[in-house]
Amino acid sequence: MSVEWTFILIVRAQSYVLYCDVCLLQEAQVLEKISELRKQGMWSVRRLPKAAEPSHSKAHWDYVLEEMQWLANDFAQERKWKKAGARKV
């Protein structure tokens, strides 16, 4: 391995180590902030309830999806009908 490649590998390894250190530092800061908020009673252990999504009027794509469901069901029913008819013959 040449000196240039060794240098590149070392630089990449060092940047990876620095990136991991930054991640660990950020995680420690977040956990510290959470503990402060818990002490103040502003952080709950329970999950928040899901927010209700606002209803929307149907778009063209909604109608296309409904028709696709209907057509798939129609094909399945026709396939059953043909198999039943073939059994009788």
PDB file of N, CA and C in Angstrom:
ATOM      1  N   MET A   1       0.857  -1.179   0.000  1.00  0.00           N
ATOM      2  CA  MET A   1       0.000   0.000   0.000  1.00  0.00           C
ATOM      3  C   MET A   1       0.895   1.232   0.000  1.00  0.00           C
ATOM      4  N   SER A   2       0.545   2.169  -0.841  1.00  0.00           N
ATOM      5  CA  SER A   2       1.373   3.357  -0.956  1.00  0.00           C
ATOM      6  C   SER A   2       1.102   4.307   0.210  1.00  0.00           C
ATOM      7  N   VAL A   3       1.967   5.287   0.323  1.00  0.00           N
ATOM      8  CA  VAL A   3       1.853   6.266   1.398  1.00  0.00           C
ATOM      9  C   VAL A   3       0.581   7.084   1.241  1.00  0.00           C
ATOM     10  N   GLU A   4       0.226   7.409  -0.012  1.00  0.00           N
ATOM     11  CA  GLU A   4      -0.969   8.215  -0.259  1.00  0.00           C
ATOM     12  C   GLU A   4      -2.219   7.490   0.219  1.00  0.00           C
ATOM     13  N   TRP A   5      -2.338   6.207  -0.123  1.00  0.00           N
ATOM     14  CA  TRP A   5      -3.521   5.444   0.287  1.00  0.00           C
ATOM     15  C   TRP A   5      -3.577   5.281   1.801  1.00  0.00           C
ATOM     16  N   THR A   6      -2.438   5.077   2.418  1.00  0.00           N
ATOM     17  CA  THR A   6      -2.395   4.958   3.868  1.00  0.00           C
ATOM     18  C   THR A   6      -2.880   6.247   4.518  1.00  0.00           C
ATOM     19  N   PHE A   7      -2.436   7.382   3.975  1.00  0.00           N
ATOM     20  CA  PHE A   7      -2.850   8.679   4.510  1.00  0.00           C
ATOM     21  C   PHE A   7      -4.359   8.857   4.365  1.00  0.00           C
ATOM     22  N   ILE A   8      -4.908   8.473   3.191  1.00  0.00           N
ATOM     23  CA  ILE A   8      -6.346   8.613   2.960  1.00  0.00           C
ATOM     24  C   ILE A   8      -7.124   7.744   3.941  1.00  0.00           C
ATOM     25  N   LEU A   9      -6.672   6.517   4.151  1.00  0.00           N
ATOM     26  CA  LEU A   9      -7.360   5.619   5.077  1.00  0.00           C
ATOM     27  C   LEU A   9      -7.319   6.154   6.505  1.00  0.00           C
ATOM     28  N   ILE A  10      -6.175   6.714   6.889  1.00  0.00           N
ATOM     29  CA  ILE A  10      -6.053   7.264   8.241  1.00  0.00           C
ATOM     30  C   ILE A  10      -6.972   8.463   8.406  1.00  0.00           C
ATOM     31  N   VAL A  11      -7.025   9.332   7.410  1.00  0.00           N
ATOM     32  CA  VAL A  11      -7.888  10.511   7.479  1.00  0.00           C
ATOM     33  C   VAL A  11      -9.347  10.085   7.576  1.00  0.00           C
ATOM     34  N   ARG A  12      -9.742   9.104   6.764  1.00  0.00           N
ATOM     35  CA  ARG A  12     -11.125   8.629   6.820  1.00  0.00           C
ATOM     36  C   ARG A  12     -11.441   8.010   8.178  1.00  0.00           C
ATOM     37  N   ALA A  13     -10.522   7.237   8.726  1.00  0.00           N
ATOM     38  CA  ALA A  13     -10.744   6.622  10.028  1.00  0.00           C
ATOM     39  C   ALA A  13     -10.859   7.692  11.102  1.00  0.00           C
ATOM     40  N   GLN A  14     -10.029   8.722  11.029  1.00  0.00           N
ATOM     41  CA  GLN A  14     -10.092   9.802  12.012  1.00  0.00           C
ATOM     42  C   GLN A  14     -11.408  10.565  11.896  1.00  0.00           C
ATOM     43  N   SER A  15     -11.855  10.811  10.663  1.00  0.00           N
ATOM     44  CA  SER A  15     -13.122  11.531  10.503  1.00  0.00           C
ATOM     45  C   SER A  15     -14.268  10.685  11.023  1.00  0.00           C
ATOM     46  N   TYR A  16     -14.197   9.362  10.849  1.00  0.00           N
ATOM     47  CA  TYR A  16     -15.241   8.485  11.385  1.00  0.00           C
ATOM     48  C   TYR A  16     -15.250   8.540  12.906  1.00  0.00           C
ATOM     49  N   VAL A  17     -14.066   8.527  13.514  1.00  0.00           N
ATOM     50  CA  VAL A  17     -13.979   8.610  14.972  1.00  0.00           C
ATOM     51  C   VAL A  17     -14.530   9.948  15.449  1.00  0.00           C
ATOM     52  N   LEU A  18     -14.179  11.041  14.749  1.00  0.00           N
ATOM     53  CA  LEU A  18     -14.703  12.351  15.126  1.00  0.00           C
ATOM     54  C   LEU A  18     -16.213  12.381  14.982  1.00  0.00           C
ATOM     55  N   TYR A  19     -16.753  11.760  13.925  1.00  0.00           N
ATOM     56  CA  TYR A  19     -18.200  11.718  13.724  1.00  0.00           C
ATOM     57  C   TYR A  19     -18.875  10.967  14.861  1.00  0.00           C
ATOM     58  N   CYS A  20     -18.289   9.834  15.278  1.00  0.00           N
ATOM     59  CA  CYS A  20     -18.850   9.067  16.395  1.00  0.00           C
ATOM     60  C   CYS A  20     -18.808   9.876  17.687  1.00  0.00           C
ATOM     61  N   ASP A  21     -17.712  10.595  17.903  1.00  0.00           N
ATOM     62  CA  ASP A  21     -17.599  11.420  19.100  1.00  0.00           C
ATOM     63  C   ASP A  21     -18.671  12.502  19.113  1.00  0.00           C
ATOM     64  N   VAL A  22     -18.926  13.105  17.960  1.00  0.00           N
ATOM     65  CA  VAL A  22     -19.953  14.144  17.864  1.00  0.00           C
ATOM     66  C   VAL A  22     -21.323  13.542  18.157  1.00  0.00           C
ATOM     67  N   CYS A  23     -21.588  12.352  17.612  1.00  0.00           N
ATOM     68  CA  CYS A  23     -22.872  11.687  17.859  1.00  0.00           C
ATOM     69  C   CYS A  23     -23.052  11.395  19.346  1.00  0.00           C
ATOM     70  N   LEU A  24     -22.021  10.895  19.977  1.00  0.00           N
ATOM     71  CA  LEU A  24     -22.111  10.588  21.412  1.00  0.00           C
ATOM     72  C   LEU A  24     -22.306  11.851  22.230  1.00  0.00           C
ATOM     73  N   LEU A  25     -21.636  12.927  21.849  1.00  0.00           N
ATOM     74  CA  LEU A  25     -21.786  14.195  22.549  1.00  0.00           C
ATOM     75  C   LEU A  25     -23.213  14.724  22.408  1.00  0.00           C
ATOM     76  N   GLN A  26     -23.755  14.660  21.197  1.00  0.00           N
ATOM     77  CA  GLN A  26     -25.129  15.122  20.982  1.00  0.00           C
ATOM     78  C   GLN A  26     -26.121  14.270  21.764  1.00  0.00           C
ATOM     79  N   GLU A  27     -25.906  12.961  21.781  1.00  0.00           N
ATOM     80  CA  GLU A  27     -26.799  12.071  22.522  1.00  0.00           C
ATOM     81  C   GLU A  27     -26.753  12.380  24.017  1.00  0.00           C
ATOM     82  N   ALA A  28     -25.565  12.645  24.538  1.00  0.00           N
ATOM     83  CA  ALA A  28     -25.433  12.988  25.953  1.00  0.00           C
ATOM     84  C   ALA A  28     -26.154  14.303  26.254  1.00  0.00           C
ATOM     85  N   GLN A  29     -26.048  15.277  25.347  1.00  0.00           N
ATOM     86  CA  GLN A  29     -26.736  16.550  25.553  1.00  0.00           C
ATOM     87  C   GLN A  29     -28.253  16.370  25.543  1.00  0.00           C
ATOM     88  N   VAL A  30     -28.748  15.532  24.645  1.00  0.00           N
ATOM     89  CA  VAL A  30     -30.193  15.285  24.575  1.00  0.00           C
ATOM     90  C   VAL A  30     -30.677  14.609  25.856  1.00  0.00           C
ATOM     91  N   LEU A  31     -29.946  13.601  26.307  1.00  0.00           N
ATOM     92  CA  LEU A  31     -30.343  12.901  27.538  1.00  0.00           C
ATOM     93  C   LEU A  31     -30.304  13.832  28.745  1.00  0.00           C
ATOM     94  N   GLU A  32     -29.332  14.722  28.774  1.00  0.00           N
ATOM     95  CA  GLU A  32     -29.248  15.697  29.855  1.00  0.00           C
ATOM     96  C   GLU A  32     -30.449  16.641  29.829  1.00  0.00           C
ATOM     97  N   LYS A  33     -30.823  17.088  28.658  1.00  0.00           N
ATOM     98  CA  LYS A  33     -31.978  17.982  28.521  1.00  0.00           C
ATOM     99  C   LYS A  33     -33.263  17.266  28.940  1.00  0.00           C
ATOM    100  N   ILE A  34     -33.385  15.994  28.597  1.00  0.00           N
ATOM    101  CA  ILE A  34     -34.560  15.213  28.993  1.00  0.00           C
ATOM    102  C   ILE A  34     -34.636  15.096  30.498  1.00  0.00           C
ATOM    103  N   SER A  35     -33.498  14.838  31.144  1.00  0.00           N
ATOM    104  CA  SER A  35     -33.518  14.711  32.604  1.00  0.00           C
ATOM    105  C   SER A  35     -33.890  16.043  33.266  1.00  0.00           C
ATOM    106  N   GLU A  36     -33.424  17.168  32.698  1.00  0.00           N
ATOM    107  CA  GLU A  36     -33.809  18.480  33.239  1.00  0.00           C
ATOM    108  C   GLU A  36     -35.311  18.714  33.099  1.00  0.00           C
ATOM    109  N   LEU A  37     -35.863  18.365  31.936  1.00  0.00           N
ATOM    110  CA  LEU A  37     -37.297  18.542  31.716  1.00  0.00           C
ATOM    111  C   LEU A  37     -38.119  17.636  32.623  1.00  0.00           C
ATOM    112  N   ARG A  38     -37.627  16.420  32.897  1.00  0.00           N
ATOM    113  CA  ARG A  38     -38.338  15.526  33.820  1.00  0.00           C
ATOM    114  C   ARG A  38     -38.375  16.119  35.223  1.00  0.00           C
ATOM    115  N   LYS A  39     -37.256  16.707  35.649  1.00  0.00           N
ATOM    116  CA  LYS A  39     -37.208  17.318  36.978  1.00  0.00           C
ATOM    117  C   LYS A  39     -38.201  18.473  37.088  1.00  0.00           C
ATOM    118  N   GLN A  40     -38.391  19.201  35.970  1.00  0.00           N
ATOM    119  CA  GLN A  40     -39.327  20.324  35.961  1.00  0.00           C
ATOM    120  C   GLN A  40     -40.764  19.866  35.734  1.00  0.00           C
ATOM    121  N   GLY A  41     -40.967  18.554  35.472  1.00  0.00           N
ATOM    122  CA  GLY A  41     -42.302  18.033  35.228  1.00  0.00           C
ATOM    123  C   GLY A  41     -42.819  18.335  33.835  1.00  0.00           C
ATOM    124  N   MET A  42     -41.931  18.634  32.917  1.00  0.00           N
ATOM    125  CA  MET A  42     -42.353  18.982  31.565  1.00  0.00           C
ATOM    126  C   MET A  42     -42.106  17.847  30.563  1.00  0.00           C
ATOM    127  N   TRP A  43     -41.623  16.697  31.032  1.00  0.00           N
ATOM    128  CA  TRP A  43     -41.358  15.560  30.150  1.00  0.00           C
ATOM    129  C   TRP A  43     -42.120  14.363  30.675  1.00  0.00           C
ATOM    130  N   SER A  44     -42.966  13.794  29.830  1.00  0.00           N
ATOM    131  CA  SER A  44     -43.783  12.666  30.227  1.00  0.00           C
ATOM    132  C   SER A  44     -43.166  11.377  29.714  1.00  0.00           C
ATOM    133  N   VAL A  45     -43.314  10.327  30.484  1.00  0.00           N
ATOM    134  CA  VAL A  45     -42.825   9.021  30.075  1.00  0.00           C
ATOM    135  C   VAL A  45     -43.799   8.404  29.073  1.00  0.00           C
ATOM    136  N   ARG A  46     -45.086   8.704  29.245  1.00  0.00           N
ATOM    137  CA  ARG A  46     -46.095   8.158  28.345  1.00  0.00           C
ATOM    138  C   ARG A  46     -46.015   8.829  26.976  1.00  0.00           C
ATOM    139  N   ARG A  47     -46.498   8.112  25.977  1.00  0.00           N
ATOM    140  CA  ARG A  47     -46.530   8.662  24.624  1.00  0.00           C
ATOM    141  C   ARG A  47     -47.727   9.592  24.481  1.00  0.00           C
ATOM    142  N   LEU A  48     -47.579  10.553  23.632  1.00  0.00           N
ATOM    143  CA  LEU A  48     -48.678  11.468  23.351  1.00  0.00           C
ATOM    144  C   LEU A  48     -49.714  10.771  22.479  1.00  0.00           C
ATOM    145  N   PRO A  49     -50.984  11.137  22.613  1.00  0.00           N
ATOM    146  CA  PRO A  49     -51.999  10.520  21.754  1.00  0.00           C
ATOM    147  C   PRO A  49     -51.806  10.955  20.297  1.00  0.00           C
ATOM    148  N   LYS A  50     -52.241  10.098  19.398  1.00  0.00           N
ATOM    149  CA  LYS A  50     -52.101  10.426  17.983  1.00  0.00           C
ATOM    150  C   LYS A  50     -53.016  11.592  17.639  1.00  0.00           C
ATOM    151  N   ALA A  51     -52.511  12.484  16.840  1.00  0.00           N
ATOM    152  CA  ALA A  51     -53.302  13.632  16.411  1.00  0.00           C
ATOM    153  C   ALA A  51     -54.242  13.189  15.298  1.00  0.00           C
ATOM    154  N   ALA A  52     -55.471  13.676  15.342  1.00  0.00           N
ATOM    155  CA  ALA A  52     -56.443  13.333  14.317  1.00  0.00           C
ATOM    156  C   ALA A  52     -56.110  14.087  13.031  1.00  0.00           C
ATOM    157  N   GLU A  53     -56.103  13.354  11.939  1.00  0.00           N
ATOM    158  CA  GLU A  53     -55.820  13.997  10.662  1.00  0.00           C
ATOM    159  C   GLU A  53     -57.087  14.656  10.148  1.00  0.00           C
ATOM    160  N   PRO A  54     -56.965  15.818   9.567  1.00  0.00           N
ATOM    161  CA  PRO A  54     -58.161  16.483   9.034  1.00  0.00           C
ATOM    162  C   PRO A  54     -58.711  15.705   7.838  1.00  0.00           C
ATOM    163  N   SER A  55     -60.033  15.659   7.730  1.00  0.00           N
ATOM    164  CA  SER A  55     -60.629  14.946   6.607  1.00  0.00           C
ATOM    165  C   SER A  55     -60.442  15.771   5.335  1.00  0.00           C
ATOM    166  N   HIS A  56     -60.352  15.085   4.240  1.00  0.00           N
ATOM    167  CA  HIS A  56     -60.171  15.786   2.973  1.00  0.00           C
ATOM    168  C   HIS A  56     -61.161  15.225   1.958  1.00  0.00           C
ATOM    169  N   SER A  57     -61.497  16.028   0.994  1.00  0.00           N
ATOM    170  CA  SER A  57     -62.401  15.561  -0.046  1.00  0.00           C
ATOM    171  C   SER A  57     -61.642  14.608  -0.962  1.00  0.00           C
ATOM    172  N   LYS A  58     -62.392  13.729  -1.615  1.00  0.00           N
ATOM    173  CA  LYS A  58     -61.758  12.736  -2.469  1.00  0.00           C
ATOM    174  C   LYS A  58     -61.150  13.398  -3.704  1.00  0.00           C
ATOM    175  N   ALA A  59     -59.978  12.967  -4.007  1.00  0.00           N
ATOM    176  CA  ALA A  59     -59.303  13.416  -5.219  1.00  0.00           C
ATOM    177  C   ALA A  59     -59.491  12.345  -6.295  1.00  0.00           C
ATOM    178  N   HIS A  60     -59.046  12.634  -7.484  1.00  0.00           N
ATOM    179  CA  HIS A  60     -59.187  11.685  -8.588  1.00  0.00           C
ATOM    180  C   HIS A  60     -58.514  10.359  -8.240  1.00  0.00           C
ATOM    181  N   TRP A  61     -57.357  10.428  -7.601  1.00  0.00           N
ATOM    182  CA  TRP A  61     -56.607   9.212  -7.286  1.00  0.00           C
ATOM    183  C   TRP A  61     -57.376   8.321  -6.310  1.00  0.00           C
ATOM    184  N   ASP A  62     -58.130   8.900  -5.399  1.00  0.00           N
ATOM    185  CA  ASP A  62     -58.941   8.107  -4.476  1.00  0.00           C
ATOM    186  C   ASP A  62     -59.968   7.283  -5.239  1.00  0.00           C
ATOM    187  N   TYR A  63     -60.575   7.879  -6.251  1.00  0.00           N
ATOM    188  CA  TYR A  63     -61.539   7.151  -7.067  1.00  0.00           C
ATOM    189  C   TYR A  63     -60.857   6.056  -7.884  1.00  0.00           C
ATOM    190  N   VAL A  64     -59.665   6.327  -8.361  1.00  0.00           N
ATOM    191  CA  VAL A  64     -58.916   5.317  -9.114  1.00  0.00           C
ATOM    192  C   VAL A  64     -58.617   4.121  -8.218  1.00  0.00           C
ATOM    193  N   LEU A  65     -58.199   4.374  -6.982  1.00  0.00           N
ATOM    194  CA  LEU A  65     -57.895   3.280  -6.054  1.00  0.00           C
ATOM    195  C   LEU A  65     -59.138   2.470  -5.722  1.00  0.00           C
ATOM    196  N   GLU A  66     -60.276   3.139  -5.543  1.00  0.00           N
ATOM    197  CA  GLU A  66     -61.517   2.416  -5.282  1.00  0.00           C
ATOM    198  C   GLU A  66     -61.872   1.514  -6.460  1.00  0.00           C
ATOM    199  N   GLU A  67     -61.723   2.042  -7.668  1.00  0.00           N
ATOM    200  CA  GLU A  67     -62.050   1.240  -8.845  1.00  0.00           C
ATOM    201  C   GLU A  67     -61.090   0.066  -8.985  1.00  0.00           C
ATOM    202  N   MET A  68     -59.824   0.262  -8.617  1.00  0.00           N
ATOM    203  CA  MET A  68     -58.863  -0.834  -8.669  1.00  0.00           C
ATOM    204  C   MET A  68     -59.261  -1.940  -7.702  1.00  0.00           C
ATOM    205  N   GLN A  69     -59.719  -1.575  -6.506  1.00  0.00           N
ATOM    206  CA  GLN A  69     -60.178  -2.577  -5.548  1.00  0.00           C
ATOM    207  C   GLN A  69     -61.387  -3.325  -6.083  1.00  0.00           C
ATOM    208  N   TRP A  70     -62.334  -2.588  -6.645  1.00  0.00           N
ATOM    209  CA  TRP A  70     -63.529  -3.210  -7.178  1.00  0.00           C
ATOM    210  C   TRP A  70     -63.178  -4.172  -8.305  1.00  0.00           C
ATOM    211  N   LEU A  71     -62.281  -3.736  -9.209  1.00  0.00           N
ATOM    212  CA  LEU A  71     -61.907  -4.551 -10.353  1.00  0.00           C
ATOM    213  C   LEU A  71     -61.165  -5.815  -9.916  1.00  0.00           C
ATOM    214  N   ALA A  72     -60.304  -5.702  -8.924  1.00  0.00           N
ATOM    215  CA  ALA A  72     -59.586  -6.869  -8.411  1.00  0.00           C
ATOM    216  C   ALA A  72     -60.574  -7.872  -7.830  1.00  0.00           C
ATOM    217  N   ASN A  73     -61.561  -7.373  -7.089  1.00  0.00           N
ATOM    218  CA  ASN A  73     -62.591  -8.252  -6.524  1.00  0.00           C
ATOM    219  C   ASN A  73     -63.410  -8.891  -7.641  1.00  0.00           C
ATOM    220  N   ASP A  74     -63.741  -8.119  -8.668  1.00  0.00           N
ATOM    221  CA  ASP A  74     -64.515  -8.630  -9.793  1.00  0.00           C
ATOM    222  C   ASP A  74     -63.752  -9.733 -10.514  1.00  0.00           C
ATOM    223  N   PHE A  75     -62.454  -9.553 -10.727  1.00  0.00           N
ATOM    224  CA  PHE A  75     -61.644 -10.576 -11.394  1.00  0.00           C
ATOM    225  C   PHE A  75     -61.610 -11.849 -10.548  1.00  0.00           C
ATOM    226  N   ALA A  76     -61.455 -11.689  -9.225  1.00  0.00           N
ATOM    227  CA  ALA A  76     -61.409 -12.857  -8.343  1.00  0.00           C
ATOM    228  C   ALA A  76     -62.728 -13.613  -8.385  1.00  0.00           C
ATOM    229  N   GLN A  77     -63.850 -12.901  -8.345  1.00  0.00           N
ATOM    230  CA  GLN A  77     -65.160 -13.543  -8.388  1.00  0.00           C
ATOM    231  C   GLN A  77     -65.360 -14.257  -9.733  1.00  0.00           C
ATOM    232  N   GLU A  78     -64.940 -13.623 -10.818  1.00  0.00           N
ATOM    233  CA  GLU A  78     -65.096 -14.249 -12.128  1.00  0.00           C
ATOM    234  C   GLU A  78     -64.245 -15.505 -12.240  1.00  0.00           C
ATOM    235  N   ARG A  79     -63.044 -15.472 -11.667  1.00  0.00           N
ATOM    236  CA  ARG A  79     -62.171 -16.643 -11.684  1.00  0.00           C
ATOM    237  C   ARG A  79     -62.826 -17.793 -10.919  1.00  0.00           C
ATOM    238  N   LYS A  80     -63.424 -17.486  -9.755  1.00  0.00           N
ATOM    239  CA  LYS A  80     -64.132 -18.523  -8.981  1.00  0.00           C
ATOM    240  C   LYS A  80     -65.303 -19.081  -9.783  1.00  0.00           C
ATOM    241  N   TRP A  81     -66.042 -18.205 -10.444  1.00  0.00           N
ATOM    242  CA  TRP A  81     -67.210 -18.604 -11.216  1.00  0.00           C
ATOM    243  C   TRP A  81     -66.805 -19.528 -12.368  1.00  0.00           C
ATOM    244  N   LYS A  82     -65.686 -19.187 -13.048  1.00  0.00           N
ATOM    245  CA  LYS A  82     -65.222 -20.008 -14.160  1.00  0.00           C
ATOM    246  C   LYS A  82     -64.729 -21.364 -13.669  1.00  0.00           C
ATOM    247  N   LYS A  83     -64.037 -21.393 -12.525  1.00  0.00           N
ATOM    248  CA  LYS A  83     -63.573 -22.675 -11.983  1.00  0.00           C
ATOM    249  C   LYS A  83     -64.751 -23.553 -11.592  1.00  0.00           C
ATOM    250  N   ALA A  84     -65.775 -22.942 -11.000  1.00  0.00           N
ATOM    251  CA  ALA A  84     -66.969 -23.697 -10.612  1.00  0.00           C
ATOM    252  C   ALA A  84     -67.671 -24.236 -11.860  1.00  0.00           C
ATOM    253  N   GLY A  85     -67.730 -23.423 -12.896  1.00  0.00           N
ATOM    254  CA  GLY A  85     -68.344 -23.882 -14.146  1.00  0.00           C
ATOM    255  C   GLY A  85     -67.546 -24.991 -14.799  1.00  0.00           C
ATOM    256  N   ALA A  86     -66.238 -24.934 -14.714  1.00  0.00           N
ATOM    257  CA  ALA A  86     -65.387 -25.976 -15.303  1.00  0.00           C
ATOM    258  C   ALA A  86     -65.538 -27.284 -14.552  1.00  0.00           C
ATOM    259  N   ARG A  87     -65.782 -27.240 -13.266  1.00  0.00           N
ATOM    260  CA  ARG A  87     -65.979 -28.459 -12.470  1.00  0.00           C
ATOM    261  C   ARG A  87     -67.266 -29.175 -12.892  1.00  0.00           C
ATOM    262  N   LYS A  88     -68.279 -28.373 -13.212  1.00  0.00           N
ATOM    263  CA  LYS A  88     -69.561 -28.962 -13.579  1.00  0.00           C
ATOM    264  C   LYS A  88     -69.510 -29.634 -14.941  1.00  0.00           C
ATOM    265  N   VAL A  89     -68.612 -29.166 -15.807  1.00  0.00           N
ATOM    266  CA  VAL A  89     -68.538 -29.706 -17.171  1.00  0.00           C
ATOM    267  C   VAL A  89     -67.705 -30.937 -17.230  1.00  0.00           C
TER     268      VAL A  89
END
